[in-house]
PDB file of N, CA and C in Angstrom:
ATOM      1  N   MET A   1      57.344 156.523  26.321  1.00  0.00           N
ATOM      2  CA  MET A   1      57.884 157.148  26.484  1.00  0.00           C
ATOM      3  C   MET A   1      58.105 158.574  26.072  1.00  0.00           C
ATOM      4  N   LEU A   2      58.917 159.135  27.305  1.00  0.00           N
ATOM      5  CA  LEU A   2      59.359 160.990  26.992  1.00  0.00           C
ATOM      6  C   LEU A   2      60.152 160.774  26.545  1.00  0.00           C
ATOM      7  N   TRP A   3      60.619 162.346  25.780  1.00  0.00           N
ATOM      8  CA  TRP A   3      61.489 162.794  24.911  1.00  0.00           C
ATOM      9  C   TRP A   3      63.163 162.584  25.374  1.00  0.00           C
ATOM     10  N   TYR A   4      62.780 163.169  26.821  1.00  0.00           N
ATOM     11  CA  TYR A   4      64.193 163.045  27.640  1.00  0.00           C
ATOM     12  C   TYR A   4      64.644 161.718  28.132  1.00  0.00           C
ATOM     13  N   GLU A   5      64.005 160.787  28.185  1.00  0.00           N
ATOM     14  CA  GLU A   5      64.457 159.627  27.879  1.00  0.00           C
ATOM     15  C   GLU A   5      64.590 159.356  26.840  1.00  0.00           C
ATOM     16  N   VAL A   6      64.394 159.552  26.014  1.00  0.00           N
ATOM     17  CA  VAL A   6      65.525 159.372  24.566  1.00  0.00           C
ATOM     18  C   VAL A   6      66.653 160.376  24.223  1.00  0.00           C
ATOM     19  N   LEU A   7      66.843 161.375  25.043  1.00  0.00           N
ATOM     20  CA  LEU A   7      67.443 162.261  24.353  1.00  0.00           C
ATOM     21  C   LEU A   7      68.541 161.767  25.223  1.00  0.00           C
ATOM     22  N   ALA A   8      68.637 161.712  27.202  1.00  0.00           N
ATOM     23  CA  ALA A   8      69.740 161.075  26.912  1.00  0.00           C
ATOM     24  C   ALA A   8      70.886 160.451  27.054  1.00  0.00           C
ATOM     25  N   PRO A   9      69.653 158.993  26.683  1.00  0.00           N
ATOM     26  CA  PRO A   9      70.524 157.758  26.448  1.00  0.00           C
ATOM     27  C   PRO A   9      71.380 158.405  24.945  1.00  0.00           C
ATOM     28  N   ALA A  10      70.770 159.241  24.370  1.00  0.00           N
ATOM     29  CA  ALA A  10      71.829 158.754  22.491  1.00  0.00           C
ATOM     30  C   ALA A  10      72.710 160.412  22.796  1.00  0.00           C
ATOM     31  N   LEU A  11      72.691 161.024  24.126  1.00  0.00           N
ATOM     32  CA  LEU A  11      73.176 162.394  23.699  1.00  0.00           C
ATOM     33  C   LEU A  11      74.807 161.734  24.567  1.00  0.00           C
ATOM     34  N   ILE A  12      74.596 160.797  25.326  1.00  0.00           N
ATOM     35  CA  ILE A  12      75.810 160.021  25.900  1.00  0.00           C
ATOM     36  C   ILE A  12      76.689 159.024  25.110  1.00  0.00           C
ATOM     37  N   LEU A  13      75.611 158.234  23.611  1.00  0.00           N
ATOM     38  CA  LEU A  13      75.830 157.494  23.077  1.00  0.00           C
ATOM     39  C   LEU A  13      76.895 158.446  22.129  1.00  0.00           C
ATOM     40  N   ALA A  14      76.260 159.507  21.424  1.00  0.00           N
ATOM     41  CA  ALA A  14      76.714 160.895  20.635  1.00  0.00           C
ATOM     42  C   ALA A  14      77.746 161.327  21.408  1.00  0.00           C
ATOM     43  N   GLY A  15      78.188 161.083  22.715  1.00  0.00           N
ATOM     44  CA  GLY A  15      79.124 161.669  22.909  1.00  0.00           C
ATOM     45  C   GLY A  15      80.734 160.611  22.799  1.00  0.00           C
ATOM     46  N   ALA A  16      80.188 158.902  23.679  1.00  0.00           N
ATOM     47  CA  ALA A  16      80.565 158.655  22.871  1.00  0.00           C
ATOM     48  C   ALA A  16      81.401 158.010  21.886  1.00  0.00           C
ATOM     49  N   ALA A  17      81.227 158.423  21.087  1.00  0.00           N
ATOM     50  CA  ALA A  17      81.501 158.403  19.832  1.00  0.00           C
ATOM     51  C   ALA A  17      81.950 159.662  19.080  1.00  0.00           C
ATOM     52  N   PHE A  18      81.712 160.209  19.344  1.00  0.00           N
ATOM     53  CA  PHE A  18      82.542 161.831  19.463  1.00  0.00           C
ATOM     54  C   PHE A  18      83.938 161.529  19.774  1.00  0.00           C
ATOM     55  N   PHE A  19      84.373 160.773  20.931  1.00  0.00           N
ATOM     56  CA  PHE A  19      84.950 160.768  21.762  1.00  0.00           C
ATOM     57  C   PHE A  19      86.021 159.685  20.678  1.00  0.00           C
ATOM     58  N   GLY A  20      85.672 158.517  20.195  1.00  0.00           N
ATOM     59  CA  GLY A  20      86.572 157.320  19.199  1.00  0.00           C
ATOM     60  C   GLY A  20      86.850 158.165  18.449  1.00  0.00           C
ATOM     61  N   TRP A  21      85.969 158.720  17.848  1.00  0.00           N
ATOM     62  CA  TRP A  21      86.342 160.017  16.486  1.00  0.00           C
ATOM     63  C   TRP A  21      87.840 160.533  16.829  1.00  0.00           C
ATOM     64  N   MET A  22      87.714 160.950  17.603  1.00  0.00           N
ATOM     65  CA  MET A  22      88.765 162.160  17.989  1.00  0.00           C
ATOM     66  C   MET A  22      89.780 161.304  18.650  1.00  0.00           C
ATOM     67  N   LEU A  23      89.676 160.082  18.422  1.00  0.00           N
ATOM     68  CA  LEU A  23      90.834 158.760  19.298  1.00  0.00           C
ATOM     69  C   LEU A  23      91.618 158.449  18.084  1.00  0.00           C
ATOM     70  N   TYR A  24      91.110 157.566  17.474  1.00  0.00           N
ATOM     71  CA  TYR A  24      91.353 156.901  16.304  1.00  0.00           C
ATOM     72  C   TYR A  24      90.449 157.426  14.943  1.00  0.00           C
ATOM     73  N   GLY A  25      89.732 157.969  14.672  1.00  0.00           N
ATOM     74  CA  GLY A  25      89.063 158.771  13.388  1.00  0.00           C
ATOM     75  C   GLY A  25      89.750 159.067  12.782  1.00  0.00           C
ATOM     76  N   ARG A  26      90.422 160.024  13.240  1.00  0.00           N
ATOM     77  CA  ARG A  26      90.864 160.589  12.139  1.00  0.00           C
ATOM     78  C   ARG A  26      92.605 161.359  11.539  1.00  0.00           C
ATOM     79  N   LYS A  27      93.105 159.525  11.962  1.00  0.00           N
ATOM     80  CA  LYS A  27      94.505 159.094  11.303  1.00  0.00           C
ATOM     81  C   LYS A  27      94.390 157.818  10.435  1.00  0.00           C
ATOM     82  N   SER A  28      95.112 157.649   9.793  1.00  0.00           N
ATOM     83  CA  SER A  28      95.515 156.495   9.921  1.00  0.00           C
ATOM     84  C   SER A  28      97.032 156.109   9.686  1.00  0.00           C
ATOM     85  N   GLY A  29      96.889 154.100   9.805  1.00  0.00           N
ATOM     86  CA  GLY A  29      98.528 153.141  10.847  1.00  0.00           C
ATOM     87  C   GLY A  29      97.466 153.563  11.675  1.00  0.00           C
ATOM     88  N   PRO A  30      98.508 153.069  13.046  1.00  0.00           N
ATOM     89  CA  PRO A  30      98.591 152.380  14.131  1.00  0.00           C
ATOM     90  C   PRO A  30      98.531 153.536  15.203  1.00  0.00           C
ATOM     91  N   THR A  31      97.610 153.014  16.257  1.00  0.00           N
ATOM     92  CA  THR A  31      97.100 154.854  17.060  1.00  0.00           C
ATOM     93  C   THR A  31      98.558 155.035  17.659  1.00  0.00           C
ATOM     94  N   GLY A  32      98.252 155.457  18.643  1.00  0.00           N
ATOM     95  CA  GLY A  32      99.794 157.003  18.812  1.00  0.00           C
ATOM     96  C   GLY A  32     100.544 155.892  20.565  1.00  0.00           C
ATOM     97  N   CYS A  33     101.076 156.309  20.994  1.00  0.00           N
ATOM     98  CA  CYS A  33     101.763 155.836  21.850  1.00  0.00           C
ATOM     99  C   CYS A  33     101.037 155.076  22.042  1.00  0.00           C
ATOM    100  N   ILE A  34     102.427 153.296  22.821  1.00  0.00           N
ATOM    101  CA  ILE A  34     102.282 151.461  23.353  1.00  0.00           C
ATOM    102  C   ILE A  34     102.433 152.174  24.845  1.00  0.00           C
ATOM    103  N   GLY A  35     103.179 152.787  25.118  1.00  0.00           N
ATOM    104  CA  GLY A  35     103.784 153.645  25.878  1.00  0.00           C
ATOM    105  C   GLY A  35     104.983 152.171  26.687  1.00  0.00           C
ATOM    106  N   CYS A  36     105.610 151.714  25.148  1.00  0.00           N
ATOM    107  CA  CYS A  36     106.106 150.231  25.806  1.00  0.00           C
ATOM    108  C   CYS A  36     107.981 151.355  26.251  1.00  0.00           C
ATOM    109  N   GLY A  37     108.707 152.074  25.728  1.00  0.00           N
ATOM    110  CA  GLY A  37     109.082 152.710  25.858  1.00  0.00           C
ATOM    111  C   GLY A  37     110.325 152.503  25.316  1.00  0.00           C
ATOM    112  N   LYS A  38     110.572 151.563  23.675  1.00  0.00           N
ATOM    113  CA  LYS A  38     111.399 150.839  23.088  1.00  0.00           C
ATOM    114  C   LYS A  38     112.138 152.465  22.254  1.00  0.00           C
ATOM    115  N   CYS A  39     110.904 153.542  22.349  1.00  0.00           N
ATOM    116  CA  CYS A  39     111.178 154.900  21.231  1.00  0.00           C
ATOM    117  C   CYS A  39     112.512 155.899  22.169  1.00  0.00           C
ATOM    118  N   VAL A  40     112.170 155.686  23.846  1.00  0.00           N
ATOM    119  CA  VAL A  40     113.222 156.630  24.261  1.00  0.00           C
ATOM    120  C   VAL A  40     114.756 155.520  24.013  1.00  0.00           C
ATOM    121  N   ALA A  41     113.983 154.169  23.928  1.00  0.00           N
ATOM    122  CA  ALA A  41     115.441 153.690  24.469  1.00  0.00           C
ATOM    123  C   ALA A  41     117.102 153.904  23.256  1.00  0.00           C
ATOM    124  N   ASP A  42     115.703 154.123  22.615  1.00  0.00           N
ATOM    125  CA  ASP A  42     116.930 153.819  20.490  1.00  0.00           C
ATOM    126  C   ASP A  42     115.819 154.857  19.806  1.00  0.00           C
ATOM    127  N   GLY A  43     115.024 155.601  19.552  1.00  0.00           N
ATOM    128  CA  GLY A  43     114.414 156.471  18.858  1.00  0.00           C
ATOM    129  C   GLY A  43     114.252 155.851  17.495  1.00  0.00           C
ATOM    130  N   VAL A  44     113.754 154.661  17.752  1.00  0.00           N
ATOM    131  CA  VAL A  44     112.739 153.997  16.498  1.00  0.00           C
ATOM    132  C   VAL A  44     111.068 153.728  17.736  1.00  0.00           C
ATOM    133  N   CYS A  45     110.557 154.065  16.874  1.00  0.00           N
ATOM    134  CA  CYS A  45     109.015 153.520  17.444  1.00  0.00           C
ATOM    135  C   CYS A  45     108.661 151.901  17.184  1.00  0.00           C
ATOM    136  N   ILE A  46     108.560 151.403  17.830  1.00  0.00           N
ATOM    137  CA  ILE A  46     108.119 149.726  17.887  1.00  0.00           C
ATOM    138  C   ILE A  46     106.468 149.583  16.478  1.00  0.00           C
ATOM    139  N   LEU A  47     106.329 150.921  16.735  1.00  0.00           N
ATOM    140  CA  LEU A  47     104.882 150.041  15.360  1.00  0.00           C
ATOM    141  C   LEU A  47     105.073 151.019  14.526  1.00  0.00           C
ATOM    142  N   THR A  48     105.584 151.754  14.365  1.00  0.00           N
ATOM    143  CA  THR A  48     105.863 152.274  12.528  1.00  0.00           C
ATOM    144  C   THR A  48     107.332 151.640  12.476  1.00  0.00           C
ATOM    145  N   GLY A  49     107.790 151.324  13.004  1.00  0.00           N
ATOM    146  CA  GLY A  49     109.563 151.683  12.148  1.00  0.00           C
ATOM    147  C   GLY A  49     110.352 153.029  12.080  1.00  0.00           C
ATOM    148  N   LYS A  50     110.306 153.900  12.829  1.00  0.00           N
ATOM    149  CA  LYS A  50     110.655 154.900  11.602  1.00  0.00           C
ATOM    150  C   LYS A  50     110.812 156.327  13.209  1.00  0.00           C
ATOM    151  N   GLN A  51     111.978 157.083  13.098  1.00  0.00           N
ATOM    152  CA  GLN A  51     112.694 157.893  13.834  1.00  0.00           C
ATOM    153  C   GLN A  51     111.240 158.743  14.495  1.00  0.00           C
ATOM    154  N   VAL A  52     111.680 159.127  15.985  1.00  0.00           N
ATOM    155  CA  VAL A  52     110.232 159.710  16.612  1.00  0.00           C
ATOM    156  C   VAL A  52     110.882 160.585  16.355  1.00  0.00           C
ATOM    157  N   PRO A  53     110.707 161.520  16.114  1.00  0.00           N
ATOM    158  CA  PRO A  53     110.523 162.660  16.348  1.00  0.00           C
ATOM    159  C   PRO A  53     110.909 163.378  17.949  1.00  0.00           C
ATOM    160  N   GLY A  54     111.790 163.920  18.243  1.00  0.00           N
ATOM    161  CA  GLY A  54     112.086 164.826  18.902  1.00  0.00           C
ATOM    162  C   GLY A  54     112.820 163.890  20.140  1.00  0.00           C
ATOM    163  N   ILE A  55     113.402 162.970  19.559  1.00  0.00           N
ATOM    164  CA  ILE A  55     114.217 162.099  21.055  1.00  0.00           C
ATOM    165  C   ILE A  55     115.263 161.409  19.670  1.00  0.00           C
ATOM    166  N   PHE A  56     116.575 162.383  20.325  1.00  0.00           N
ATOM    167  CA  PHE A  56     117.658 161.540  19.788  1.00  0.00           C
ATOM    168  C   PHE A  56     117.930 160.506  20.617  1.00  0.00           C
ATOM    169  N   ARG A  57     118.782 159.783  19.185  1.00  0.00           N
ATOM    170  CA  ARG A  57     119.720 158.379  19.498  1.00  0.00           C
ATOM    171  C   ARG A  57     120.778 158.455  19.899  1.00  0.00           C
ATOM    172  N   ASP A  58     121.511 159.873  19.434  1.00  0.00           N
ATOM    173  CA  ASP A  58     122.677 159.576  19.921  1.00  0.00           C
ATOM    174  C   ASP A  58     121.797 160.596  21.589  1.00  0.00           C
ATOM    175  N   ARG A  59     122.065 160.713  22.635  1.00  0.00           N
ATOM    176  CA  ARG A  59     121.458 161.187  24.172  1.00  0.00           C
ATOM    177  C   ARG A  59     122.876 161.517  24.265  1.00  0.00           C
ATOM    178  N   GLY A  60     123.175 160.150  24.395  1.00  0.00           N
ATOM    179  CA  GLY A  60     124.069 160.147  25.793  1.00  0.00           C
ATOM    180  C   GLY A  60     125.351 161.036  25.471  1.00  0.00           C
ATOM    181  N   LYS A  61     126.002 160.481  23.897  1.00  0.00           N
ATOM    182  CA  LYS A  61     127.179 160.982  23.952  1.00  0.00           C
ATOM    183  C   LYS A  61     126.930 162.907  23.875  1.00  0.00           C
ATOM    184  N   LYS A  62     128.057 162.847  24.045  1.00  0.00           N
ATOM    185  CA  LYS A  62     127.989 165.203  24.062  1.00  0.00           C
ATOM    186  C   LYS A  62     129.108 165.548  23.607  1.00  0.00           C
ATOM    187  N   GLN A  63     129.090 166.074  22.508  1.00  0.00           N
ATOM    188  CA  GLN A  63     129.546 166.509  20.948  1.00  0.00           C
ATOM    189  C   GLN A  63     129.828 168.189  21.656  1.00  0.00           C
TER     190      GLN A  63
END
């Protein structure tokens, strides 16, 4: 087996591992948004139960 026959799959696997680490490896707790829309409705994340920054609960009310 030639070196480049081993290098190509190794680079593909390393790229996939790096991509997975970038998405999931550097943070604790649940992953990012799952797209349920609950935070838009009431401003609270369904995964964490905390107020979502940047989304206001009283969006429809005018002051």
